[in-house]
Protein backbone atom coordinates (compact mmCIF):
# COMPACT_ATOMS: atom_id res chain seq x y z
CA MET A 1 -37.06 -1.26 24.00
CA ARG A 2 -36.28 -4.72 24.91
CA SER A 3 -38.23 -6.16 27.70
CA PRO A 4 -36.44 -5.90 31.11
CA PRO A 5 -34.34 -8.56 32.62
CA VAL A 6 -36.21 -10.70 35.02
CA GLY A 7 -33.82 -11.80 37.46
CA ARG A 8 -32.04 -10.10 40.61
CA ARG A 9 -28.43 -10.82 38.81
CA GLN A 10 -29.57 -9.78 35.42
CA LYS A 11 -30.91 -6.44 36.88
CA LEU A 12 -27.74 -5.89 38.64
CA ARG A 13 -26.00 -6.34 35.43
CA VAL A 14 -27.98 -3.71 33.56
CA ILE A 15 -27.47 -1.48 35.97
CA VAL A 16 -23.70 -1.37 36.62
CA SER A 17 -23.24 -1.36 32.82
CA MET A 18 -25.79 1.50 32.31
CA ALA A 19 -24.16 3.16 35.40
CA GLU A 20 -20.76 2.61 34.01
CA ASP A 21 -22.17 4.62 30.92
CA GLY A 22 -23.47 7.32 32.89
CA HIS A 23 -26.93 6.82 33.03
CA SER A 24 -28.95 8.43 35.91
CA ALA A 25 -31.37 6.25 38.14
CA SER A 26 -34.13 7.43 36.68
CA GLU A 27 -32.77 6.37 33.09
CA ILE A 28 -32.00 2.70 34.09
CA ALA A 29 -35.34 2.74 36.41
CA GLU A 30 -36.87 3.51 32.66
CA ALA A 31 -34.99 0.54 31.00
CA LEU A 32 -35.72 -1.88 33.73
CA GLN A 33 -39.44 -0.99 34.35
CA MET A 34 -38.54 -0.37 37.96
CA LYS A 35 -39.24 2.60 40.64
CA ARG A 36 -36.24 5.01 40.66
CA ARG A 37 -36.03 4.23 44.49
CA ALA A 38 -35.76 0.52 43.80
CA VAL A 39 -32.71 0.83 41.32
CA CYS A 40 -31.07 3.25 43.81
CA ALA A 41 -31.69 0.73 46.74
CA LEU A 42 -30.44 -2.06 44.85
CA ALA A 43 -27.61 -0.13 43.84
CA ALA A 44 -26.48 0.86 46.96
CA ARG A 45 -26.73 -2.71 48.75
CA ASN A 46 -24.05 -3.64 45.95
CA GLY A 47 -22.04 -0.95 46.18
CA ILE A 48 -22.85 0.35 42.52
CA VAL A 49 -22.16 4.24 42.20
CA ILE A 50 -25.03 6.00 40.23
CA GLY A 51 -24.11 9.12 38.43
CA ARG A 52 -26.46 12.19 39.35
CA ARG A 53 -26.74 13.96 35.99
CA GLY A 54 -29.26 12.10 33.89
CA GLY A 55 -28.30 12.74 30.07
CA THR A 56 -24.93 13.61 30.48
CA ARG A 57 -21.64 11.43 30.05
CA ARG A 58 -18.44 12.03 31.58
CA VAL A 59 -15.64 12.53 29.21
CA GLY A 60 -11.81 12.92 30.06
CA ALA A 61 -8.88 14.59 27.61
CA TYR A 62 -5.41 15.73 27.76
CA VAL A 63 -4.96 18.84 26.24
CA PRO A 64 -1.93 21.04 25.89
CA ARG A 65 -0.98 23.50 28.55
CA VAL A 66 -1.91 26.31 25.76
CA THR A 67 -5.48 25.10 25.26
CA PHE A 68 -5.87 24.36 28.95
CA GLY A 69 -5.10 27.86 29.42
CA VAL A 70 -7.29 29.25 27.32
CA VAL A 71 -10.27 27.22 28.91
CA ASP A 72 -9.32 28.45 32.25
CA LYS A 73 -8.94 31.91 31.09
CA LEU A 74 -12.83 31.32 29.39
CA ALA A 75 -14.03 29.67 32.66
CA THR A 76 -12.84 32.22 35.06
CA ASP A 77 -13.79 35.25 32.79
CA ALA A 78 -17.21 33.49 32.82
CA GLY A 79 -17.09 33.02 36.33
CA ILE A 80 -18.23 28.94 35.91
CA SER A 81 -16.19 25.97 36.28
CA ARG A 82 -13.65 24.65 33.73
CA SER A 83 -15.95 21.71 32.95
CA ALA A 84 -18.92 23.69 32.70
CA MET A 85 -16.94 25.83 29.89
CA ILE A 86 -15.53 22.60 28.17
CA GLY A 87 -19.01 21.75 28.09
CA ARG A 88 -20.23 24.67 26.57
CA ILE A 89 -17.91 24.78 23.89
CA VAL A 90 -18.39 21.21 23.01
CA LYS A 91 -21.91 22.10 22.60
CA ALA A 92 -21.28 25.22 20.66
CA VAL A 93 -19.46 23.12 18.10
CA CYS A 94 -21.16 19.96 18.30
CA GLY A 95 -24.75 21.08 17.84
CA ASN A 96 -25.30 18.39 15.12
CA VAL A 97 -23.06 15.90 13.09
CA ALA A 98 -22.91 17.66 10.00
CA ALA A 99 -22.38 21.20 11.58
CA ALA A 100 -19.60 19.92 13.68
CA LYS A 101 -17.67 17.77 10.46
CA ARG A 102 -17.73 21.38 8.53
CA PHE A 103 -16.67 23.25 11.38
CA LEU A 104 -13.58 20.70 12.48
CA GLY A 105 -12.84 20.03 8.70
CA LYS A 106 -10.16 17.31 8.48
CA GLN A 107 -10.04 16.55 11.94
CA ALA A 108 -13.41 15.39 11.86
CA ARG A 109 -12.31 12.95 9.14
CA ARG A 110 -10.34 9.26 9.39
């Protein structure tokens, strides 16, 4: 890990960058060698929104209506949100890169 930035502006740049990448306040604090509370206070004073779920990244995608219907039905039957179901599907398919490439076949190649 590289050494943390020294100045306030440098820290703000890192906080903005990491927050945009979906890192949590704890992850940012660890990278900057600061306390989580200090990162949250600095972000709040500067209008920076930090995600709540560390280790996760928000992903958006457009899917065909039929695919959406399948995800919606699976989520409804499981009693969870569609986003949670999509997360479960991705986790099942992408357990590791080699398995995901085998499962997706030509669709995983350029």
